[in-house]
Structures are given as structure tokens and as C-alpha cells.
Amino acid sequence: MDLSQIDPATGMSYRDSAMKYGAENGMKQFKTAFYELYGDKIEGLREEAIKKQVAEDHAKRTKEGFIGRTPTPANGQPAKAQNVAKRSWSSLAEEALADKDRYL
């Protein structure tokens, strides 16, 4: 997150918004004011980035043949790529943890 970008909610930059919020609420540290004001947004951005990375990695591994293969042929049909974009973060994380032991 670039602190010089304009926050649509306030019309000020993220830095200025956090400084104003900190001054109004008696906070001495910028970091405290910023995380209190934008902490949820930062976590949301971080979760979205992680979900996107997991989905891309899963699609790449499926395309390369590391995921979705069985030791025996499945009636001559290739493994289908899963649409992981609509799955929850927790289910993707559980699947990754289960796959970790299999591939390490």
C-alpha cells in the first residue's frame, strides 16, 4: 500500500488520514494510528494476494501434472483443473497442508 495514494473514504492521502486520526485520538506513534485506522483493509489486501497466489500456484501445478494425477489411468480422460477462485481460503490452506506431506 502506497501511503501517498488518496483514500477514497476521506479524500486525503493514507499518510495524512492516519496522522489526522492519530492527532484527534491522542496517539503518539504513526504506526499505531495507521494500523488502527487501516488494519482491516491491510489484512483484506493481504488475504486477497495470498488467495490469488495459491490459486495461481495450484493452477500451474495442475497444468504441469503435479496435481490431479492418479497412479492408474482414469479411463483415458485427463485430469480436470479445479476452479479454486471460488473456494474459501481455509479450504485451500487445508488442501495445501495435506499436499505438503505428500510432496515433501
N, C-alpha and C. Protein backbone atom coordinates (compact mmCIF):
# COMPACT_ATOMS: atom_id res chain seq x y z
N MET A 1 0.85 -1.16 0.00
CA MET A 1 0.00 0.00 0.00
C MET A 1 0.90 1.24 0.00
N ASP A 2 0.66 2.11 -0.95
CA ASP A 2 1.43 3.34 -1.05
C ASP A 2 0.76 4.40 -0.18
N LEU A 3 1.49 4.95 0.76
CA LEU A 3 0.91 5.90 1.70
C LEU A 3 0.56 7.23 1.05
N SER A 4 1.09 7.51 -0.13
CA SER A 4 0.78 8.77 -0.80
C SER A 4 -0.50 8.68 -1.65
N GLN A 5 -1.05 7.48 -1.79
CA GLN A 5 -2.30 7.34 -2.54
C GLN A 5 -3.44 7.99 -1.77
N ILE A 6 -4.46 8.38 -2.51
CA ILE A 6 -5.62 9.03 -1.91
C ILE A 6 -6.60 7.98 -1.41
N ASP A 7 -7.03 8.16 -0.16
CA ASP A 7 -8.04 7.29 0.43
C ASP A 7 -9.40 7.77 -0.04
N PRO A 8 -10.17 6.94 -0.76
CA PRO A 8 -11.47 7.39 -1.27
C PRO A 8 -12.45 7.78 -0.16
N ALA A 9 -12.30 7.20 1.01
CA ALA A 9 -13.24 7.49 2.11
C ALA A 9 -13.03 8.89 2.68
N THR A 10 -11.79 9.38 2.70
CA THR A 10 -11.52 10.67 3.32
C THR A 10 -11.13 11.76 2.33
N GLY A 11 -10.65 11.37 1.14
CA GLY A 11 -10.21 12.34 0.16
C GLY A 11 -8.79 12.84 0.44
N MET A 12 -8.14 12.29 1.46
CA MET A 12 -6.77 12.66 1.79
C MET A 12 -5.88 11.45 1.55
N SER A 13 -4.57 11.67 1.57
CA SER A 13 -3.66 10.54 1.41
C SER A 13 -3.76 9.66 2.66
N TYR A 14 -3.34 8.40 2.50
CA TYR A 14 -3.39 7.49 3.64
C TYR A 14 -2.53 8.01 4.78
N ARG A 15 -1.39 8.59 4.45
CA ARG A 15 -0.49 9.13 5.47
C ARG A 15 -1.17 10.28 6.23
N ASP A 16 -1.76 11.22 5.49
CA ASP A 16 -2.41 12.36 6.14
C ASP A 16 -3.62 11.93 6.96
N SER A 17 -4.38 10.97 6.45
CA SER A 17 -5.54 10.47 7.18
C SER A 17 -5.12 9.84 8.50
N ALA A 18 -4.05 9.04 8.47
CA ALA A 18 -3.58 8.39 9.69
C ALA A 18 -3.03 9.40 10.67
N MET A 19 -2.32 10.42 10.17
CA MET A 19 -1.79 11.45 11.06
C MET A 19 -2.91 12.25 11.72
N LYS A 20 -3.92 12.58 10.94
CA LYS A 20 -5.06 13.32 11.48
C LYS A 20 -5.79 12.47 12.52
N TYR A 21 -6.01 11.20 12.20
CA TYR A 21 -6.69 10.29 13.13
C TYR A 21 -5.89 10.16 14.43
N GLY A 22 -4.58 10.02 14.31
CA GLY A 22 -3.73 9.90 15.49
C GLY A 22 -3.76 11.15 16.34
N ALA A 23 -3.74 12.32 15.70
CA ALA A 23 -3.78 13.58 16.44
C ALA A 23 -5.12 13.75 17.15
N GLU A 24 -6.20 13.39 16.48
CA GLU A 24 -7.53 13.53 17.09
C GLU A 24 -7.74 12.58 18.26
N ASN A 25 -7.06 11.43 18.25
CA ASN A 25 -7.26 10.42 19.28
C ASN A 25 -6.09 10.31 20.25
N GLY A 26 -5.17 11.27 20.22
CA GLY A 26 -4.07 11.33 21.17
C GLY A 26 -3.05 10.22 21.03
N MET A 27 -2.85 9.72 19.83
CA MET A 27 -1.87 8.67 19.60
C MET A 27 -0.54 9.31 19.24
N LYS A 28 0.52 8.85 19.87
CA LYS A 28 1.83 9.44 19.66
C LYS A 28 2.61 8.80 18.53
N GLN A 29 2.27 7.57 18.18
CA GLN A 29 3.00 6.87 17.13
C GLN A 29 2.14 6.74 15.87
N PHE A 30 2.75 7.04 14.73
CA PHE A 30 2.07 6.94 13.45
C PHE A 30 1.62 5.51 13.19
N LYS A 31 2.49 4.56 13.52
CA LYS A 31 2.20 3.15 13.26
C LYS A 31 0.92 2.70 13.97
N THR A 32 0.74 3.13 15.21
CA THR A 32 -0.45 2.76 15.97
C THR A 32 -1.70 3.33 15.31
N ALA A 33 -1.67 4.60 14.94
CA ALA A 33 -2.83 5.24 14.31
C ALA A 33 -3.14 4.60 12.96
N PHE A 34 -2.08 4.33 12.19
CA PHE A 34 -2.29 3.75 10.86
C PHE A 34 -2.92 2.37 10.96
N TYR A 35 -2.37 1.51 11.83
CA TYR A 35 -2.92 0.15 11.95
C TYR A 35 -4.32 0.15 12.54
N GLU A 36 -4.61 1.08 13.42
CA GLU A 36 -5.97 1.13 13.96
C GLU A 36 -6.96 1.58 12.89
N LEU A 37 -6.53 2.50 12.06
CA LEU A 37 -7.41 3.04 11.04
C LEU A 37 -7.54 2.13 9.82
N TYR A 38 -6.41 1.54 9.38
CA TYR A 38 -6.41 0.76 8.15
C TYR A 38 -6.04 -0.70 8.33
N GLY A 39 -5.99 -1.19 9.54
CA GLY A 39 -5.57 -2.58 9.79
C GLY A 39 -6.44 -3.60 9.08
N ASP A 40 -7.75 -3.42 9.11
CA ASP A 40 -8.65 -4.37 8.45
C ASP A 40 -8.44 -4.37 6.94
N LYS A 41 -8.22 -3.18 6.38
CA LYS A 41 -8.02 -3.08 4.94
C LYS A 41 -6.72 -3.78 4.54
N ILE A 42 -5.67 -3.61 5.34
CA ILE A 42 -4.39 -4.24 5.05
C ILE A 42 -4.52 -5.75 5.10
N GLU A 43 -5.21 -6.26 6.11
CA GLU A 43 -5.42 -7.71 6.22
C GLU A 43 -6.22 -8.23 5.03
N GLY A 44 -7.22 -7.48 4.61
CA GLY A 44 -8.02 -7.89 3.44
C GLY A 44 -7.17 -7.95 2.18
N LEU A 45 -6.33 -6.93 1.98
CA LEU A 45 -5.44 -6.93 0.82
C LEU A 45 -4.46 -8.09 0.88
N ARG A 46 -3.95 -8.37 2.07
CA ARG A 46 -3.00 -9.47 2.23
C ARG A 46 -3.69 -10.81 1.94
N GLU A 47 -4.90 -11.00 2.45
CA GLU A 47 -5.63 -12.24 2.18
C GLU A 47 -5.91 -12.43 0.70
N GLU A 48 -6.32 -11.36 0.03
CA GLU A 48 -6.61 -11.46 -1.40
C GLU A 48 -5.35 -11.82 -2.19
N ALA A 49 -4.22 -11.22 -1.81
CA ALA A 49 -2.97 -11.52 -2.50
C ALA A 49 -2.57 -12.98 -2.29
N ILE A 50 -2.76 -13.48 -1.07
CA ILE A 50 -2.41 -14.87 -0.76
C ILE A 50 -3.35 -15.82 -1.51
N LYS A 51 -4.64 -15.52 -1.52
CA LYS A 51 -5.59 -16.37 -2.24
C LYS A 51 -5.24 -16.43 -3.73
N LYS A 52 -4.91 -15.28 -4.29
CA LYS A 52 -4.56 -15.23 -5.71
C LYS A 52 -3.30 -16.05 -5.97
N GLN A 53 -2.31 -15.94 -5.10
CA GLN A 53 -1.07 -16.68 -5.28
C GLN A 53 -1.30 -18.19 -5.17
N VAL A 54 -2.12 -18.60 -4.19
CA VAL A 54 -2.42 -20.03 -4.02
C VAL A 54 -3.16 -20.56 -5.24
N ALA A 55 -4.13 -19.80 -5.72
CA ALA A 55 -4.89 -20.23 -6.89
C ALA A 55 -3.99 -20.35 -8.13
N GLU A 56 -3.10 -19.37 -8.32
CA GLU A 56 -2.19 -19.41 -9.46
C GLU A 56 -1.23 -20.59 -9.35
N ASP A 57 -0.71 -20.83 -8.15
CA ASP A 57 0.21 -21.93 -7.93
C ASP A 57 -0.48 -23.27 -8.16
N HIS A 58 -1.71 -23.38 -7.68
CA HIS A 58 -2.47 -24.62 -7.85
C HIS A 58 -2.75 -24.87 -9.33
N ALA A 59 -3.14 -23.82 -10.05
CA ALA A 59 -3.42 -23.97 -11.48
C ALA A 59 -2.14 -24.35 -12.24
N LYS A 60 -1.03 -23.74 -11.87
CA LYS A 60 0.25 -24.05 -12.53
C LYS A 60 0.65 -25.50 -12.27
N ARG A 61 0.51 -25.94 -11.03
CA ARG A 61 0.89 -27.31 -10.69
C ARG A 61 -0.04 -28.32 -11.36
N THR A 62 -1.32 -27.97 -11.49
CA THR A 62 -2.26 -28.85 -12.17
C THR A 62 -1.90 -28.95 -13.65
N LYS A 63 -1.58 -27.80 -14.24
CA LYS A 63 -1.21 -27.78 -15.66
C LYS A 63 0.06 -28.58 -15.91
N GLU A 64 1.00 -28.51 -14.98
CA GLU A 64 2.25 -29.25 -15.12
C GLU A 64 2.09 -30.73 -14.81
N GLY A 65 0.96 -31.10 -14.25
CA GLY A 65 0.69 -32.50 -13.98
C GLY A 65 1.06 -32.98 -12.60
N PHE A 66 1.41 -32.07 -11.70
CA PHE A 66 1.77 -32.48 -10.35
C PHE A 66 0.55 -32.75 -9.48
N ILE A 67 -0.56 -32.11 -9.79
CA ILE A 67 -1.79 -32.27 -9.01
C ILE A 67 -2.85 -32.86 -9.92
N GLY A 68 -3.64 -33.77 -9.39
CA GLY A 68 -4.75 -34.32 -10.15
C GLY A 68 -4.43 -35.59 -10.88
N ARG A 69 -3.26 -36.13 -10.71
CA ARG A 69 -2.89 -37.38 -11.37
C ARG A 69 -3.08 -38.54 -10.41
N THR A 70 -3.45 -39.67 -10.97
CA THR A 70 -3.58 -40.89 -10.18
C THR A 70 -2.55 -41.88 -10.66
N PRO A 71 -2.18 -42.88 -9.82
CA PRO A 71 -1.20 -43.86 -10.26
C PRO A 71 -1.70 -44.71 -11.42
N THR A 72 -3.02 -44.84 -11.56
CA THR A 72 -3.59 -45.61 -12.66
C THR A 72 -4.39 -44.68 -13.55
N PRO A 73 -4.50 -44.97 -14.83
CA PRO A 73 -5.26 -44.10 -15.72
C PRO A 73 -6.73 -44.00 -15.30
N ALA A 74 -7.30 -42.84 -15.49
CA ALA A 74 -8.70 -42.61 -15.15
C ALA A 74 -9.54 -42.70 -16.42
N ASN A 75 -9.69 -43.91 -16.95
CA ASN A 75 -10.48 -44.16 -18.16
C ASN A 75 -10.02 -43.33 -19.35
N GLY A 76 -8.74 -43.04 -19.41
CA GLY A 76 -8.19 -42.32 -20.54
C GLY A 76 -8.53 -40.85 -20.59
N GLN A 77 -9.16 -40.31 -19.54
CA GLN A 77 -9.50 -38.89 -19.54
C GLN A 77 -8.47 -38.12 -18.72
N PRO A 78 -8.03 -36.99 -19.23
CA PRO A 78 -7.06 -36.20 -18.47
C PRO A 78 -7.70 -35.60 -17.22
N ALA A 79 -6.88 -35.32 -16.24
CA ALA A 79 -7.37 -34.71 -15.00
C ALA A 79 -7.87 -33.30 -15.31
N LYS A 80 -8.98 -32.93 -14.69
CA LYS A 80 -9.55 -31.60 -14.90
C LYS A 80 -8.93 -30.63 -13.91
N ALA A 81 -8.67 -29.43 -14.37
CA ALA A 81 -8.20 -28.38 -13.49
C ALA A 81 -9.36 -27.90 -12.63
N GLN A 82 -9.10 -27.69 -11.36
CA GLN A 82 -10.14 -27.23 -10.45
C GLN A 82 -10.20 -25.71 -10.47
N ASN A 83 -11.39 -25.17 -10.34
CA ASN A 83 -11.56 -23.73 -10.22
C ASN A 83 -11.44 -23.37 -8.75
N VAL A 84 -10.26 -22.94 -8.34
CA VAL A 84 -10.02 -22.64 -6.93
C VAL A 84 -10.37 -21.20 -6.58
N ALA A 85 -10.74 -20.40 -7.56
CA ALA A 85 -11.04 -19.00 -7.28
C ALA A 85 -12.28 -18.84 -6.40
N LYS A 86 -13.19 -19.80 -6.47
CA LYS A 86 -14.43 -19.69 -5.70
C LYS A 86 -14.37 -20.44 -4.38
N ARG A 87 -13.22 -21.03 -4.06
CA ARG A 87 -13.10 -21.77 -2.81
C ARG A 87 -12.63 -20.84 -1.71
N SER A 88 -12.93 -21.21 -0.49
CA SER A 88 -12.54 -20.38 0.65
C SER A 88 -11.05 -20.54 0.93
N TRP A 89 -10.51 -19.54 1.60
CA TRP A 89 -9.10 -19.55 1.96
C TRP A 89 -8.80 -20.73 2.88
N SER A 90 -9.68 -21.03 3.82
CA SER A 90 -9.41 -22.10 4.77
C SER A 90 -9.38 -23.46 4.07
N SER A 91 -10.24 -23.70 3.09
CA SER A 91 -10.22 -24.98 2.40
C SER A 91 -8.96 -25.12 1.54
N LEU A 92 -8.51 -24.01 0.92
CA LEU A 92 -7.27 -24.06 0.14
C LEU A 92 -6.07 -24.30 1.05
N ALA A 93 -6.08 -23.66 2.23
CA ALA A 93 -4.97 -23.85 3.17
C ALA A 93 -4.93 -25.29 3.67
N GLU A 94 -6.10 -25.88 3.97
CA GLU A 94 -6.14 -27.27 4.43
C GLU A 94 -5.62 -28.21 3.33
N GLU A 95 -6.01 -27.94 2.09
CA GLU A 95 -5.55 -28.78 0.99
C GLU A 95 -4.04 -28.65 0.82
N ALA A 96 -3.52 -27.43 0.95
CA ALA A 96 -2.08 -27.24 0.81
C ALA A 96 -1.32 -27.95 1.91
N LEU A 97 -1.84 -27.91 3.14
CA LEU A 97 -1.18 -28.62 4.24
C LEU A 97 -1.20 -30.13 4.01
N ALA A 98 -2.32 -30.65 3.48
CA ALA A 98 -2.41 -32.08 3.21
C ALA A 98 -1.45 -32.47 2.08
N ASP A 99 -1.33 -31.63 1.06
CA ASP A 99 -0.45 -31.90 -0.07
C ASP A 99 1.03 -31.77 0.31
N LYS A 100 1.31 -30.94 1.31
CA LYS A 100 2.69 -30.71 1.71
C LYS A 100 3.37 -32.02 2.11
N ASP A 101 2.70 -32.83 2.91
CA ASP A 101 3.27 -34.09 3.36
C ASP A 101 3.46 -35.07 2.21
N ARG A 102 2.57 -35.00 1.23
CA ARG A 102 2.63 -35.92 0.11
C ARG A 102 3.82 -35.63 -0.80
N TYR A 103 4.17 -34.35 -0.96
CA TYR A 103 5.19 -33.97 -1.92
C TYR A 103 6.56 -33.68 -1.31
N LEU A 104 6.64 -33.62 0.01
CA LEU A 104 7.95 -33.36 0.62
C LEU A 104 8.63 -34.62 1.02
